Amino acid sequence: MRASRRGERLMLTWQSEDEEDVGKAREFFMKQTRQGWLATIRDGEYRRVLEFKPEYRELWFIPLSEGG
């Protein structure tokens, strides 16, 4: 699992065939979403996801902007 910051966003990548890597990525997903980050996948555009799936192999986390 690897997490890196890209501007205001966080990018998370992992090896879907490595159970330990998937477990770490799942924990990171849970932690970030509990803290209010939006989890997304990028397929041309950013599309919000509500659950962790190992086959994604990459997620982007976008912070909620304050003040709506």
N, C-alpha and C. Protein backbone atom coordinates (compact mmCIF):
# COMPACT_ATOMS: atom_id res chain seq x y z
N MET A 1 0.85 -1.17 0.00
CA MET A 1 0.00 0.00 0.00
C MET A 1 0.89 1.23 0.00
N ARG A 2 0.47 2.21 -0.76
CA ARG A 2 1.19 3.48 -0.79
C ARG A 2 0.19 4.63 -0.83
N ALA A 3 0.41 5.60 0.05
CA ALA A 3 -0.43 6.80 0.09
C ALA A 3 0.46 8.00 -0.16
N SER A 4 -0.03 8.93 -0.99
CA SER A 4 0.74 10.14 -1.26
C SER A 4 -0.22 11.31 -1.43
N ARG A 5 0.29 12.49 -1.17
CA ARG A 5 -0.52 13.71 -1.30
C ARG A 5 -0.29 14.29 -2.69
N ARG A 6 -1.38 14.67 -3.33
CA ARG A 6 -1.34 15.33 -4.63
C ARG A 6 -2.15 16.62 -4.51
N GLY A 7 -1.48 17.70 -4.16
CA GLY A 7 -2.20 18.94 -3.89
C GLY A 7 -3.04 18.76 -2.65
N GLU A 8 -4.33 19.01 -2.75
CA GLU A 8 -5.24 18.84 -1.61
C GLU A 8 -5.75 17.41 -1.49
N ARG A 9 -5.51 16.59 -2.49
CA ARG A 9 -6.03 15.23 -2.51
C ARG A 9 -5.00 14.22 -2.03
N LEU A 10 -5.51 13.08 -1.59
CA LEU A 10 -4.65 11.96 -1.23
C LEU A 10 -4.88 10.84 -2.24
N MET A 11 -3.81 10.20 -2.68
CA MET A 11 -3.94 9.06 -3.58
C MET A 11 -3.48 7.82 -2.84
N LEU A 12 -4.26 6.76 -2.92
CA LEU A 12 -3.95 5.50 -2.28
C LEU A 12 -3.88 4.42 -3.35
N THR A 13 -2.80 3.64 -3.36
CA THR A 13 -2.67 2.52 -4.29
C THR A 13 -2.26 1.27 -3.51
N TRP A 14 -2.62 0.11 -4.03
CA TRP A 14 -2.28 -1.15 -3.40
C TRP A 14 -2.30 -2.27 -4.43
N GLN A 15 -1.72 -3.41 -4.04
CA GLN A 15 -1.71 -4.61 -4.88
C GLN A 15 -2.92 -5.46 -4.50
N SER A 16 -3.85 -5.63 -5.42
CA SER A 16 -5.10 -6.33 -5.10
C SER A 16 -4.91 -7.82 -4.82
N GLU A 17 -3.78 -8.40 -5.24
CA GLU A 17 -3.55 -9.82 -4.99
C GLU A 17 -2.78 -10.08 -3.68
N ASP A 18 -2.37 -9.02 -3.00
CA ASP A 18 -1.62 -9.13 -1.74
C ASP A 18 -2.58 -8.85 -0.57
N GLU A 19 -2.94 -9.90 0.18
CA GLU A 19 -3.93 -9.75 1.25
C GLU A 19 -3.52 -8.73 2.31
N GLU A 20 -2.24 -8.71 2.66
CA GLU A 20 -1.75 -7.76 3.66
C GLU A 20 -1.88 -6.32 3.14
N ASP A 21 -1.54 -6.11 1.89
CA ASP A 21 -1.64 -4.79 1.26
C ASP A 21 -3.10 -4.34 1.21
N VAL A 22 -3.99 -5.26 0.85
CA VAL A 22 -5.42 -4.95 0.79
C VAL A 22 -5.93 -4.58 2.18
N GLY A 23 -5.50 -5.31 3.21
CA GLY A 23 -5.91 -5.01 4.57
C GLY A 23 -5.49 -3.62 5.02
N LYS A 24 -4.25 -3.26 4.71
CA LYS A 24 -3.76 -1.93 5.07
C LYS A 24 -4.53 -0.85 4.32
N ALA A 25 -4.81 -1.09 3.04
CA ALA A 25 -5.56 -0.12 2.24
C ALA A 25 -6.98 0.04 2.77
N ARG A 26 -7.60 -1.07 3.17
CA ARG A 26 -8.96 -1.02 3.73
C ARG A 26 -8.97 -0.18 5.02
N GLU A 27 -7.97 -0.39 5.89
CA GLU A 27 -7.86 0.40 7.12
C GLU A 27 -7.70 1.88 6.81
N PHE A 28 -6.86 2.21 5.82
CA PHE A 28 -6.65 3.60 5.43
C PHE A 28 -7.97 4.20 4.93
N PHE A 29 -8.69 3.46 4.10
CA PHE A 29 -10.00 3.89 3.58
C PHE A 29 -10.95 4.20 4.74
N MET A 30 -11.04 3.28 5.70
CA MET A 30 -11.95 3.48 6.83
C MET A 30 -11.56 4.71 7.64
N LYS A 31 -10.29 4.88 7.90
CA LYS A 31 -9.81 6.02 8.68
C LYS A 31 -10.13 7.34 7.98
N GLN A 32 -9.82 7.43 6.70
CA GLN A 32 -10.03 8.69 5.97
C GLN A 32 -11.50 9.01 5.82
N THR A 33 -12.34 8.02 5.53
CA THR A 33 -13.77 8.31 5.37
C THR A 33 -14.40 8.69 6.70
N ARG A 34 -13.92 8.11 7.81
CA ARG A 34 -14.43 8.51 9.13
C ARG A 34 -14.07 9.96 9.44
N GLN A 35 -12.93 10.42 8.91
CA GLN A 35 -12.49 11.79 9.15
C GLN A 35 -13.15 12.78 8.18
N GLY A 36 -14.02 12.30 7.32
CA GLY A 36 -14.79 13.19 6.46
C GLY A 36 -14.26 13.36 5.04
N TRP A 37 -13.27 12.57 4.64
CA TRP A 37 -12.78 12.64 3.26
C TRP A 37 -13.74 11.88 2.35
N LEU A 38 -13.90 12.36 1.12
CA LEU A 38 -14.69 11.65 0.12
C LEU A 38 -13.77 10.70 -0.62
N ALA A 39 -14.14 9.43 -0.70
CA ALA A 39 -13.36 8.45 -1.44
C ALA A 39 -13.89 8.40 -2.87
N THR A 40 -12.97 8.45 -3.84
CA THR A 40 -13.37 8.44 -5.23
C THR A 40 -12.47 7.53 -6.06
N ILE A 41 -13.00 7.10 -7.19
CA ILE A 41 -12.17 6.46 -8.20
C ILE A 41 -12.13 7.40 -9.40
N ARG A 42 -11.12 7.25 -10.19
CA ARG A 42 -10.97 8.15 -11.33
C ARG A 42 -11.09 7.33 -12.61
N ASP A 43 -12.14 7.57 -13.34
CA ASP A 43 -12.34 6.93 -14.65
C ASP A 43 -12.76 8.02 -15.63
N GLY A 44 -11.81 8.90 -15.91
CA GLY A 44 -12.11 10.09 -16.71
C GLY A 44 -12.47 11.24 -15.80
N GLU A 45 -13.39 11.00 -14.89
CA GLU A 45 -13.79 11.96 -13.87
C GLU A 45 -13.64 11.28 -12.52
N TYR A 46 -13.75 12.06 -11.46
CA TYR A 46 -13.75 11.49 -10.12
C TYR A 46 -15.17 11.05 -9.80
N ARG A 47 -15.33 9.80 -9.41
CA ARG A 47 -16.65 9.26 -9.08
C ARG A 47 -16.60 8.72 -7.66
N ARG A 48 -17.50 9.21 -6.82
CA ARG A 48 -17.51 8.84 -5.40
C ARG A 48 -17.82 7.35 -5.22
N VAL A 49 -17.12 6.73 -4.28
CA VAL A 49 -17.40 5.35 -3.89
C VAL A 49 -17.72 5.32 -2.41
N LEU A 50 -18.62 4.43 -2.03
CA LEU A 50 -19.06 4.35 -0.64
C LEU A 50 -18.53 3.13 0.08
N GLU A 51 -17.88 2.23 -0.65
CA GLU A 51 -17.31 1.04 -0.02
C GLU A 51 -15.96 0.72 -0.63
N PHE A 52 -15.15 0.04 0.14
CA PHE A 52 -13.82 -0.37 -0.31
C PHE A 52 -13.93 -1.67 -1.09
N LYS A 53 -13.34 -1.73 -2.27
CA LYS A 53 -13.27 -2.95 -3.06
C LYS A 53 -11.82 -3.15 -3.48
N PRO A 54 -11.24 -4.31 -3.18
CA PRO A 54 -9.84 -4.55 -3.51
C PRO A 54 -9.52 -4.36 -4.99
N GLU A 55 -10.47 -4.65 -5.86
CA GLU A 55 -10.21 -4.55 -7.30
C GLU A 55 -10.04 -3.12 -7.80
N TYR A 56 -10.38 -2.12 -7.00
CA TYR A 56 -10.16 -0.74 -7.44
C TYR A 56 -8.66 -0.46 -7.64
N ARG A 57 -7.81 -0.98 -6.75
CA ARG A 57 -6.36 -0.80 -6.78
C ARG A 57 -5.88 0.64 -6.62
N GLU A 58 -6.78 1.61 -6.75
CA GLU A 58 -6.41 3.02 -6.57
C GLU A 58 -7.64 3.80 -6.13
N LEU A 59 -7.46 4.62 -5.12
CA LEU A 59 -8.52 5.52 -4.67
C LEU A 59 -7.94 6.91 -4.48
N TRP A 60 -8.77 7.89 -4.70
CA TRP A 60 -8.41 9.28 -4.44
C TRP A 60 -9.33 9.78 -3.35
N PHE A 61 -8.77 10.51 -2.39
CA PHE A 61 -9.53 11.08 -1.29
C PHE A 61 -9.54 12.59 -1.43
N ILE A 62 -10.74 13.14 -1.40
CA ILE A 62 -10.92 14.58 -1.59
C ILE A 62 -11.51 15.15 -0.30
N PRO A 63 -10.88 16.21 0.24
CA PRO A 63 -11.41 16.77 1.48
C PRO A 63 -12.73 17.50 1.24
N LEU A 64 -13.59 17.45 2.23
CA LEU A 64 -14.83 18.23 2.15
C LEU A 64 -14.45 19.70 2.31
N SER A 65 -15.01 20.55 1.49
CA SER A 65 -14.72 21.97 1.64
C SER A 65 -15.65 22.57 2.68
N GLU A 66 -15.11 23.43 3.49
CA GLU A 66 -15.89 24.04 4.55
C GLU A 66 -16.76 25.17 4.01
N GLY A 67 -17.89 25.37 4.61
CA GLY A 67 -18.75 26.49 4.26
C GLY A 67 -19.73 26.20 3.14
N GLY A 68 -19.68 24.99 2.55
CA GLY A 68 -20.63 24.56 1.53
C GLY A 68 -20.63 25.44 0.38
